[in-house]
Amino acid sequence: DKLLPALPPRLSKLILDELERLEVKIYTSER
């Protein structure tokens, strides 16, 4: 349900925001 599942949600959110800034499309909870 989030990137870097082993790390705290705050860090996961920072990574998500940076990737979205780079216009990377993110799919979570998708197997």
PDB file of all heavy atoms in Angstrom:
ATOM      1  N   ASP A   1       0.808  -1.223   0.000  1.00  0.00           N
ATOM      2  CA  ASP A   1       0.000   0.000   0.000  1.00  0.00           C
ATOM      3  C   ASP A   1       0.840   1.272   0.000  1.00  0.00           C
ATOM      4  O   ASP A   1       0.304   2.379  -0.058  1.00  0.00           O
ATOM      5  CB  ASP A   1      -0.972   0.009   1.181  1.00  0.00           C
ATOM      6  CG  ASP A   1      -0.257  -0.076   2.529  1.00  0.00           C
ATOM      7  OD1 ASP A   1       0.990  -0.159   2.539  1.00  0.00           O
ATOM      8  OD2 ASP A   1      -0.945  -0.060   3.567  1.00  0.00           O
ATOM      9  N   LYS A   2       2.182   1.143   0.085  1.00  0.00           N
ATOM     10  CA  LYS A   2       3.043   2.315   0.015  1.00  0.00           C
ATOM     11  C   LYS A   2       4.422   1.911  -0.472  1.00  0.00           C
ATOM     12  O   LYS A   2       4.798   0.734  -0.443  1.00  0.00           O
ATOM     13  CB  LYS A   2       3.142   3.012   1.379  1.00  0.00           C
ATOM     14  CG  LYS A   2       3.841   2.205   2.476  1.00  0.00           C
ATOM     15  CD  LYS A   2       3.780   2.946   3.793  1.00  0.00           C
ATOM     16  CE  LYS A   2       4.467   2.168   4.920  1.00  0.00           C
ATOM     17  NZ  LYS A   2       5.943   2.196   4.808  1.00  0.00           N
ATOM     18  N   LEU A   3       5.178   2.885  -0.961  1.00  0.00           N
ATOM     19  CA  LEU A   3       6.553   2.635  -1.371  1.00  0.00           C
ATOM     20  C   LEU A   3       7.420   2.410  -0.134  1.00  0.00           C
ATOM     21  O   LEU A   3       7.090   2.877   0.963  1.00  0.00           O
ATOM     22  CB  LEU A   3       7.093   3.825  -2.172  1.00  0.00           C
ATOM     23  CG  LEU A   3       6.327   4.201  -3.444  1.00  0.00           C
ATOM     24  CD1 LEU A   3       6.986   5.392  -4.125  1.00  0.00           C
ATOM     25  CD2 LEU A   3       6.235   3.027  -4.400  1.00  0.00           C
ATOM     26  N   LEU A   4       8.540   1.720  -0.334  1.00  0.00           N
ATOM     27  CA  LEU A   4       9.457   1.424   0.771  1.00  0.00           C
ATOM     28  C   LEU A   4       8.693   0.954   2.004  1.00  0.00           C
ATOM     29  O   LEU A   4       8.719   1.590   3.062  1.00  0.00           O
ATOM     30  CB  LEU A   4      10.303   2.653   1.116  1.00  0.00           C
ATOM     31  CG  LEU A   4      11.262   3.132   0.023  1.00  0.00           C
ATOM     32  CD1 LEU A   4      11.843   4.493   0.374  1.00  0.00           C
ATOM     33  CD2 LEU A   4      12.381   2.129  -0.176  1.00  0.00           C
ATOM     34  N   PRO A   5       7.973  -0.168   1.895  1.00  0.00           N
ATOM     35  CA  PRO A   5       7.088  -0.617   2.983  1.00  0.00           C
ATOM     36  C   PRO A   5       7.797  -0.851   4.310  1.00  0.00           C
ATOM     37  O   PRO A   5       7.153  -0.805   5.362  1.00  0.00           O
ATOM     38  CB  PRO A   5       6.483  -1.923   2.430  1.00  0.00           C
ATOM     39  CG  PRO A   5       7.361  -2.323   1.289  1.00  0.00           C
ATOM     40  CD  PRO A   5       7.942  -1.072   0.737  1.00  0.00           C
ATOM     41  N   ALA A   6       9.116  -1.079   4.275  1.00  0.00           N
ATOM     42  CA  ALA A   6       9.832  -1.352   5.524  1.00  0.00           C
ATOM     43  C   ALA A   6      10.182  -0.073   6.284  1.00  0.00           C
ATOM     44  O   ALA A   6      10.604  -0.139   7.445  1.00  0.00           O
ATOM     45  CB  ALA A   6      11.114  -2.142   5.239  1.00  0.00           C
ATOM     46  N   LEU A   7      10.027   1.079   5.649  1.00  0.00           N
ATOM     47  CA  LEU A   7      10.416   2.340   6.269  1.00  0.00           C
ATOM     48  C   LEU A   7       9.194   3.097   6.803  1.00  0.00           C
ATOM     49  O   LEU A   7       8.053   2.806   6.429  1.00  0.00           O
ATOM     50  CB  LEU A   7      11.162   3.204   5.257  1.00  0.00           C
ATOM     51  CG  LEU A   7      12.501   2.643   4.747  1.00  0.00           C
ATOM     52  CD1 LEU A   7      13.169   3.645   3.829  1.00  0.00           C
ATOM     53  CD2 LEU A   7      13.422   2.290   5.899  1.00  0.00           C
ATOM     54  N   PRO A   8       9.415   4.080   7.674  1.00  0.00           N
ATOM     55  CA  PRO A   8       8.293   4.850   8.232  1.00  0.00           C
ATOM     56  C   PRO A   8       7.500   5.565   7.138  1.00  0.00           C
ATOM     57  O   PRO A   8       8.058   5.952   6.108  1.00  0.00           O
ATOM     58  CB  PRO A   8       8.995   5.869   9.148  1.00  0.00           C
ATOM     59  CG  PRO A   8      10.306   5.251   9.483  1.00  0.00           C
ATOM     60  CD  PRO A   8      10.709   4.459   8.285  1.00  0.00           C
ATOM     61  N   PRO A   9       6.200   5.756   7.345  1.00  0.00           N
ATOM     62  CA  PRO A   9       5.349   6.404   6.342  1.00  0.00           C
ATOM     63  C   PRO A   9       5.846   7.780   5.915  1.00  0.00           C
ATOM     64  O   PRO A   9       5.673   8.178   4.754  1.00  0.00           O
ATOM     65  CB  PRO A   9       3.988   6.504   7.054  1.00  0.00           C
ATOM     66  CG  PRO A   9       4.002   5.395   8.058  1.00  0.00           C
ATOM     67  CD  PRO A   9       5.425   5.277   8.512  1.00  0.00           C
ATOM     68  N   ARG A  10       6.465   8.532   6.818  1.00  0.00           N
ATOM     69  CA  ARG A  10       6.946   9.871   6.479  1.00  0.00           C
ATOM     70  C   ARG A  10       7.979   9.820   5.368  1.00  0.00           C
ATOM     71  O   ARG A  10       7.947  10.612   4.418  1.00  0.00           O
ATOM     72  CB  ARG A  10       7.554  10.537   7.723  1.00  0.00           C
ATOM     73  CG  ARG A  10       8.068  11.957   7.478  1.00  0.00           C
ATOM     74  CD  ARG A  10       8.644  12.537   8.757  1.00  0.00           C
ATOM     75  NE  ARG A  10       9.803  11.782   9.197  1.00  0.00           N
ATOM     76  CZ  ARG A  10      11.045  12.007   8.741  1.00  0.00           C
ATOM     77  NH1 ARG A  10      11.262  12.944   7.837  1.00  0.00           N
ATOM     78  NH2 ARG A  10      12.056  11.286   9.199  1.00  0.00           N
ATOM     79  N   LEU A  11       8.912   8.855   5.453  1.00  0.00           N
ATOM     80  CA  LEU A  11       9.936   8.715   4.420  1.00  0.00           C
ATOM     81  C   LEU A  11       9.323   8.226   3.113  1.00  0.00           C
ATOM     82  O   LEU A  11       9.712   8.670   2.032  1.00  0.00           O
ATOM     83  CB  LEU A  11      11.028   7.752   4.891  1.00  0.00           C
ATOM     84  CG  LEU A  11      11.874   8.221   6.071  1.00  0.00           C
ATOM     85  CD1 LEU A  11      12.892   7.151   6.448  1.00  0.00           C
ATOM     86  CD2 LEU A  11      12.597   9.520   5.727  1.00  0.00           C
ATOM     87  N   SER A  12       8.380   7.314   3.221  1.00  0.00           N
ATOM     88  CA  SER A  12       7.698   6.815   2.032  1.00  0.00           C
ATOM     89  C   SER A  12       6.996   7.957   1.296  1.00  0.00           C
ATOM     90  O   SER A  12       7.039   8.044   0.065  1.00  0.00           O
ATOM     91  CB  SER A  12       6.689   5.740   2.429  1.00  0.00           C
ATOM     92  OG  SER A  12       5.975   5.286   1.304  1.00  0.00           O
ATOM     93  N   LYS A  13       6.367   8.859   2.059  1.00  0.00           N
ATOM     94  CA  LYS A  13       5.659   9.989   1.455  1.00  0.00           C
ATOM     95  C   LYS A  13       6.647  10.944   0.780  1.00  0.00           C
ATOM     96  O   LYS A  13       6.365  11.480  -0.310  1.00  0.00           O
ATOM     97  CB  LYS A  13       4.880  10.725   2.543  1.00  0.00           C
ATOM     98  CG  LYS A  13       4.083  11.928   2.046  1.00  0.00           C
ATOM     99  CD  LYS A  13       2.974  11.516   1.086  1.00  0.00           C
ATOM    100  CE  LYS A  13       1.977  12.638   0.820  1.00  0.00           C
ATOM    101  NZ  LYS A  13       2.567  13.882   0.312  1.00  0.00           N
ATOM    102  N   LEU A  14       7.806  11.166   1.358  1.00  0.00           N
ATOM    103  CA  LEU A  14       8.817  12.041   0.760  1.00  0.00           C
ATOM    104  C   LEU A  14       9.283  11.487  -0.585  1.00  0.00           C
ATOM    105  O   LEU A  14       9.431  12.222  -1.557  1.00  0.00           O
ATOM    106  CB  LEU A  14      10.002  12.210   1.708  1.00  0.00           C
ATOM    107  CG  LEU A  14       9.786  13.066   2.955  1.00  0.00           C
ATOM    108  CD1 LEU A  14      10.995  12.997   3.882  1.00  0.00           C
ATOM    109  CD2 LEU A  14       9.491  14.519   2.571  1.00  0.00           C
ATOM    110  N   ILE A  15       9.501  10.158  -0.630  1.00  0.00           N
ATOM    111  CA  ILE A  15       9.924   9.518  -1.880  1.00  0.00           C
ATOM    112  C   ILE A  15       8.820   9.615  -2.924  1.00  0.00           C
ATOM    113  O   ILE A  15       9.073   9.912  -4.098  1.00  0.00           O
ATOM    114  CB  ILE A  15      10.292   8.043  -1.624  1.00  0.00           C
ATOM    115  CG1 ILE A  15      11.517   7.941  -0.714  1.00  0.00           C
ATOM    116  CG2 ILE A  15      10.555   7.318  -2.948  1.00  0.00           C
ATOM    117  CD1 ILE A  15      12.785   8.506  -1.297  1.00  0.00           C
ATOM    118  N   LEU A  16       7.600   9.365  -2.500  1.00  0.00           N
ATOM    119  CA  LEU A  16       6.455   9.443  -3.411  1.00  0.00           C
ATOM    120  C   LEU A  16       6.346  10.842  -4.023  1.00  0.00           C
ATOM    121  O   LEU A  16       6.173  10.992  -5.239  1.00  0.00           O
ATOM    122  CB  LEU A  16       5.168   9.084  -2.664  1.00  0.00           C
ATOM    123  CG  LEU A  16       3.863   9.203  -3.460  1.00  0.00           C
ATOM    124  CD1 LEU A  16       3.826   8.184  -4.589  1.00  0.00           C
ATOM    125  CD2 LEU A  16       2.662   9.015  -2.540  1.00  0.00           C
ATOM    126  N   ASP A  17       6.478  11.866  -3.187  1.00  0.00           N
ATOM    127  CA  ASP A  17       6.377  13.246  -3.665  1.00  0.00           C
ATOM    128  C   ASP A  17       7.486  13.564  -4.668  1.00  0.00           C
ATOM    129  O   ASP A  17       7.239  14.231  -5.688  1.00  0.00           O
ATOM    130  CB  ASP A  17       6.454  14.227  -2.490  1.00  0.00           C
ATOM    131  CG  ASP A  17       5.227  14.152  -1.589  1.00  0.00           C
ATOM    132  OD1 ASP A  17       4.219  13.574  -2.035  1.00  0.00           O
ATOM    133  OD2 ASP A  17       5.295  14.646  -0.447  1.00  0.00           O
ATOM    134  N   GLU A  18       8.693  13.077  -4.409  1.00  0.00           N
ATOM    135  CA  GLU A  18       9.815  13.363  -5.302  1.00  0.00           C
ATOM    136  C   GLU A  18       9.632  12.663  -6.647  1.00  0.00           C
ATOM    137  O   GLU A  18       9.892  13.243  -7.703  1.00  0.00           O
ATOM    138  CB  GLU A  18      11.129  12.929  -4.652  1.00  0.00           C
ATOM    139  CG  GLU A  18      12.373  13.166  -5.489  1.00  0.00           C
ATOM    140  CD  GLU A  18      12.623  14.632  -5.806  1.00  0.00           C
ATOM    141  OE1 GLU A  18      12.066  15.501  -5.103  1.00  0.00           O
ATOM    142  OE2 GLU A  18      13.387  14.901  -6.766  1.00  0.00           O
ATOM    143  N   LEU A  19       9.180  11.404  -6.627  1.00  0.00           N
ATOM    144  CA  LEU A  19       8.956  10.681  -7.873  1.00  0.00           C
ATOM    145  C   LEU A  19       7.832  11.327  -8.686  1.00  0.00           C
ATOM    146  O   LEU A  19       7.914  11.413  -9.917  1.00  0.00           O
ATOM    147  CB  LEU A  19       8.636   9.211  -7.586  1.00  0.00           C
ATOM    148  CG  LEU A  19       9.792   8.353  -7.080  1.00  0.00           C
ATOM    149  CD1 LEU A  19       9.302   6.953  -6.728  1.00  0.00           C
ATOM    150  CD2 LEU A  19      10.916   8.283  -8.095  1.00  0.00           C
ATOM    151  N   GLU A  20       6.799  11.771  -8.014  1.00  0.00           N
ATOM    152  CA  GLU A  20       5.708  12.441  -8.722  1.00  0.00           C
ATOM    153  C   GLU A  20       6.180  13.772  -9.306  1.00  0.00           C
ATOM    154  O   GLU A  20       5.721  14.193 -10.368  1.00  0.00           O
ATOM    155  CB  GLU A  20       4.514  12.637  -7.783  1.00  0.00           C
ATOM    156  CG  GLU A  20       3.794  11.327  -7.477  1.00  0.00           C
ATOM    157  CD  GLU A  20       2.580  11.511  -6.578  1.00  0.00           C
ATOM    158  OE1 GLU A  20       2.520  12.557  -5.875  1.00  0.00           O
ATOM    159  OE2 GLU A  20       1.715  10.618  -6.568  1.00  0.00           O
ATOM    160  N   ARG A  21       7.111  14.423  -8.628  1.00  0.00           N
ATOM    161  CA  ARG A  21       7.700  15.653  -9.174  1.00  0.00           C
ATOM    162  C   ARG A  21       8.444  15.350 -10.471  1.00  0.00           C
ATOM    163  O   ARG A  21       8.465  16.180 -11.391  1.00  0.00           O
ATOM    164  CB  ARG A  21       8.646  16.282  -8.148  1.00  0.00           C
ATOM    165  CG  ARG A  21       9.211  17.643  -8.575  1.00  0.00           C
ATOM    166  CD  ARG A  21      10.266  18.129  -7.604  1.00  0.00           C
ATOM    167  NE  ARG A  21      11.473  17.332  -7.700  1.00  0.00           N
ATOM    168  CZ  ARG A  21      12.403  17.489  -8.654  1.00  0.00           C
ATOM    169  NH1 ARG A  21      12.236  18.391  -9.598  1.00  0.00           N
ATOM    170  NH2 ARG A  21      13.486  16.732  -8.653  1.00  0.00           N
ATOM    171  N   LEU A  22       9.036  14.168 -10.551  1.00  0.00           N
ATOM    172  CA  LEU A  22       9.734  13.741 -11.768  1.00  0.00           C
ATOM    173  C   LEU A  22       8.771  13.177 -12.815  1.00  0.00           C
ATOM    174  O   LEU A  22       9.216  12.666 -13.845  1.00  0.00           O
ATOM    175  CB  LEU A  22      10.786  12.678 -11.418  1.00  0.00           C
ATOM    176  CG  LEU A  22      11.926  13.111 -10.503  1.00  0.00           C
ATOM    177  CD1 LEU A  22      12.828  11.921 -10.172  1.00  0.00           C
ATOM    178  CD2 LEU A  22      12.742  14.231 -11.134  1.00  0.00           C
ATOM    179  N   GLU A  23       7.483  13.242 -12.520  1.00  0.00           N
ATOM    180  CA  GLU A  23       6.425  12.763 -13.419  1.00  0.00           C
ATOM    181  C   GLU A  23       6.467  11.252 -13.620  1.00  0.00           C
ATOM    182  O   GLU A  23       6.139  10.736 -14.688  1.00  0.00           O
ATOM    183  CB  GLU A  23       6.484  13.489 -14.773  1.00  0.00           C
ATOM    184  CG  GLU A  23       6.261  14.992 -14.648  1.00  0.00           C
ATOM    185  CD  GLU A  23       6.253  15.699 -15.992  1.00  0.00           C
ATOM    186  OE1 GLU A  23       6.754  15.124 -16.981  1.00  0.00           O
ATOM    187  OE2 GLU A  23       5.742  16.833 -16.054  1.00  0.00           O
ATOM    188  N   VAL A  24       6.886  10.548 -12.573  1.00  0.00           N
ATOM    189  CA  VAL A  24       6.806   9.088 -12.572  1.00  0.00           C
ATOM    190  C   VAL A  24       5.401   8.704 -12.109  1.00  0.00           C
ATOM    191  O   VAL A  24       4.931   9.181 -11.072  1.00  0.00           O
ATOM    192  CB  VAL A  24       7.862   8.467 -11.628  1.00  0.00           C
ATOM    193  CG1 VAL A  24       7.679   6.950 -11.552  1.00  0.00           C
ATOM    194  CG2 VAL A  24       9.263   8.817 -12.085  1.00  0.00           C
ATOM    195  N   LYS A  25       4.739   7.860 -12.877  1.00  0.00           N
ATOM    196  CA  LYS A  25       3.402   7.412 -12.498  1.00  0.00           C
ATOM    197  C   LYS A  25       3.531   6.271 -11.489  1.00  0.00           C
ATOM    198  O   LYS A  25       4.260   5.305 -11.730  1.00  0.00           O
ATOM    199  CB  LYS A  25       2.616   6.957 -13.721  1.00  0.00           C
ATOM    200  CG  LYS A  25       1.138   6.723 -13.428  1.00  0.00           C
ATOM    201  CD  LYS A  25       0.333   6.582 -14.712  1.00  0.00           C
ATOM    202  CE  LYS A  25      -1.156   6.494 -14.399  1.00  0.00           C
ATOM    203  NZ  LYS A  25      -1.969   6.380 -15.638  1.00  0.00           N
ATOM    204  N   ILE A  26       2.849   6.384 -10.373  1.00  0.00           N
ATOM    205  CA  ILE A  26       2.977   5.422  -9.280  1.00  0.00           C
ATOM    206  C   ILE A  26       1.690   4.622  -9.126  1.00  0.00           C
ATOM    207  O   ILE A  26       0.592   5.182  -9.075  1.00  0.00           O
ATOM    208  CB  ILE A  26       3.274   6.135  -7.946  1.00  0.00           C
ATOM    209  CG1 ILE A  26       4.430   7.128  -8.089  1.00  0.00           C
ATOM    210  CG2 ILE A  26       3.560   5.105  -6.853  1.00  0.00           C
ATOM    211  CD1 ILE A  26       5.756   6.510  -8.346  1.00  0.00           C
ATOM    212  N   TYR A  27       1.840   3.287  -9.070  1.00  0.00           N
ATOM    213  CA  TYR A  27       0.726   2.406  -8.732  1.00  0.00           C
ATOM    214  C   TYR A  27       1.083   1.677  -7.441  1.00  0.00           C
ATOM    215  O   TYR A  27       2.105   0.981  -7.381  1.00  0.00           O
ATOM    216  CB  TYR A  27       0.484   1.371  -9.826  1.00  0.00           C
ATOM    217  CG  TYR A  27      -0.133   1.894 -11.095  1.00  0.00           C
ATOM    218  CD1 TYR A  27       0.665   2.373 -12.133  1.00  0.00           C
ATOM    219  CD2 TYR A  27      -1.513   1.905 -11.273  1.00  0.00           C
ATOM    220  CE1 TYR A  27       0.107   2.850 -13.313  1.00  0.00           C
ATOM    221  CE2 TYR A  27      -2.093   2.372 -12.451  1.00  0.00           C
ATOM    222  CZ  TYR A  27      -1.272   2.846 -13.463  1.00  0.00           C
ATOM    223  OH  TYR A  27      -1.830   3.318 -14.622  1.00  0.00           O
ATOM    224  N   THR A  28       0.279   1.839  -6.402  1.00  0.00           N
ATOM    225  CA  THR A  28       0.448   1.048  -5.183  1.00  0.00           C
ATOM    226  C   THR A  28      -0.775   0.145  -5.030  1.00  0.00           C
ATOM    227  O   THR A  28      -1.820   0.371  -5.644  1.00  0.00           O
ATOM    228  CB  THR A  28       0.604   1.947  -3.937  1.00  0.00           C
ATOM    229  OG1 THR A  28      -0.509   2.843  -3.866  1.00  0.00           O
ATOM    230  CG2 THR A  28       1.895   2.755  -4.008  1.00  0.00           C
ATOM    231  N   SER A  29      -0.618  -0.892  -4.203  1.00  0.00           N
ATOM    232  CA  SER A  29      -1.678  -1.902  -4.011  1.00  0.00           C
ATOM    233  C   SER A  29      -2.089  -2.520  -5.336  1.00  0.00           C
ATOM    234  O   SER A  29      -3.265  -2.861  -5.540  1.00  0.00           O
ATOM    235  CB  SER A  29      -2.895  -1.281  -3.308  1.00  0.00           C
ATOM    236  OG  SER A  29      -2.539  -0.742  -2.059  1.00  0.00           O
ATOM    237  N   GLU A  30      -1.140  -2.663  -6.245  1.00  0.00           N
ATOM    238  CA  GLU A  30      -1.392  -3.282  -7.548  1.00  0.00           C
ATOM    239  C   GLU A  30      -0.394  -4.416  -7.747  1.00  0.00           C
ATOM    240  O   GLU A  30       0.813  -4.185  -7.838  1.00  0.00           O
ATOM    241  CB  GLU A  30      -1.227  -2.257  -8.686  1.00  0.00           C
ATOM    242  CG  GLU A  30      -2.292  -1.189  -8.746  1.00  0.00           C
ATOM    243  CD  GLU A  30      -3.535  -1.635  -9.507  1.00  0.00           C
ATOM    244  OE1 GLU A  30      -3.676  -2.847  -9.770  1.00  0.00           O
ATOM    245  OE2 GLU A  30      -4.350  -0.762  -9.851  1.00  0.00           O
ATOM    246  N   ARG A  31      -0.893  -5.639  -7.772  1.00  0.00           N
ATOM    247  CA  ARG A  31      -0.042  -6.809  -7.935  1.00  0.00           C
ATOM    248  C   ARG A  31      -0.117  -7.294  -9.381  1.00  0.00           C
ATOM    249  O   ARG A  31      -1.188  -7.591  -9.898  1.00  0.00           O
ATOM    250  CB  ARG A  31      -0.477  -7.925  -6.983  1.00  0.00           C
ATOM    251  CG  ARG A  31       0.464  -9.131  -6.962  1.00  0.00           C
ATOM    252  CD  ARG A  31      -0.021 -10.161  -5.968  1.00  0.00           C
ATOM    253  NE  ARG A  31      -0.036  -9.636  -4.619  1.00  0.00           N
ATOM    254  CZ  ARG A  31       1.026  -9.605  -3.819  1.00  0.00           C
ATOM    255  NH1 ARG A  31       2.188 -10.077  -4.252  1.00  0.00           N
ATOM    256  NH2 ARG A  31       0.934  -9.109  -2.601  1.00  0.00           N
TER     257      ARG A  31
END
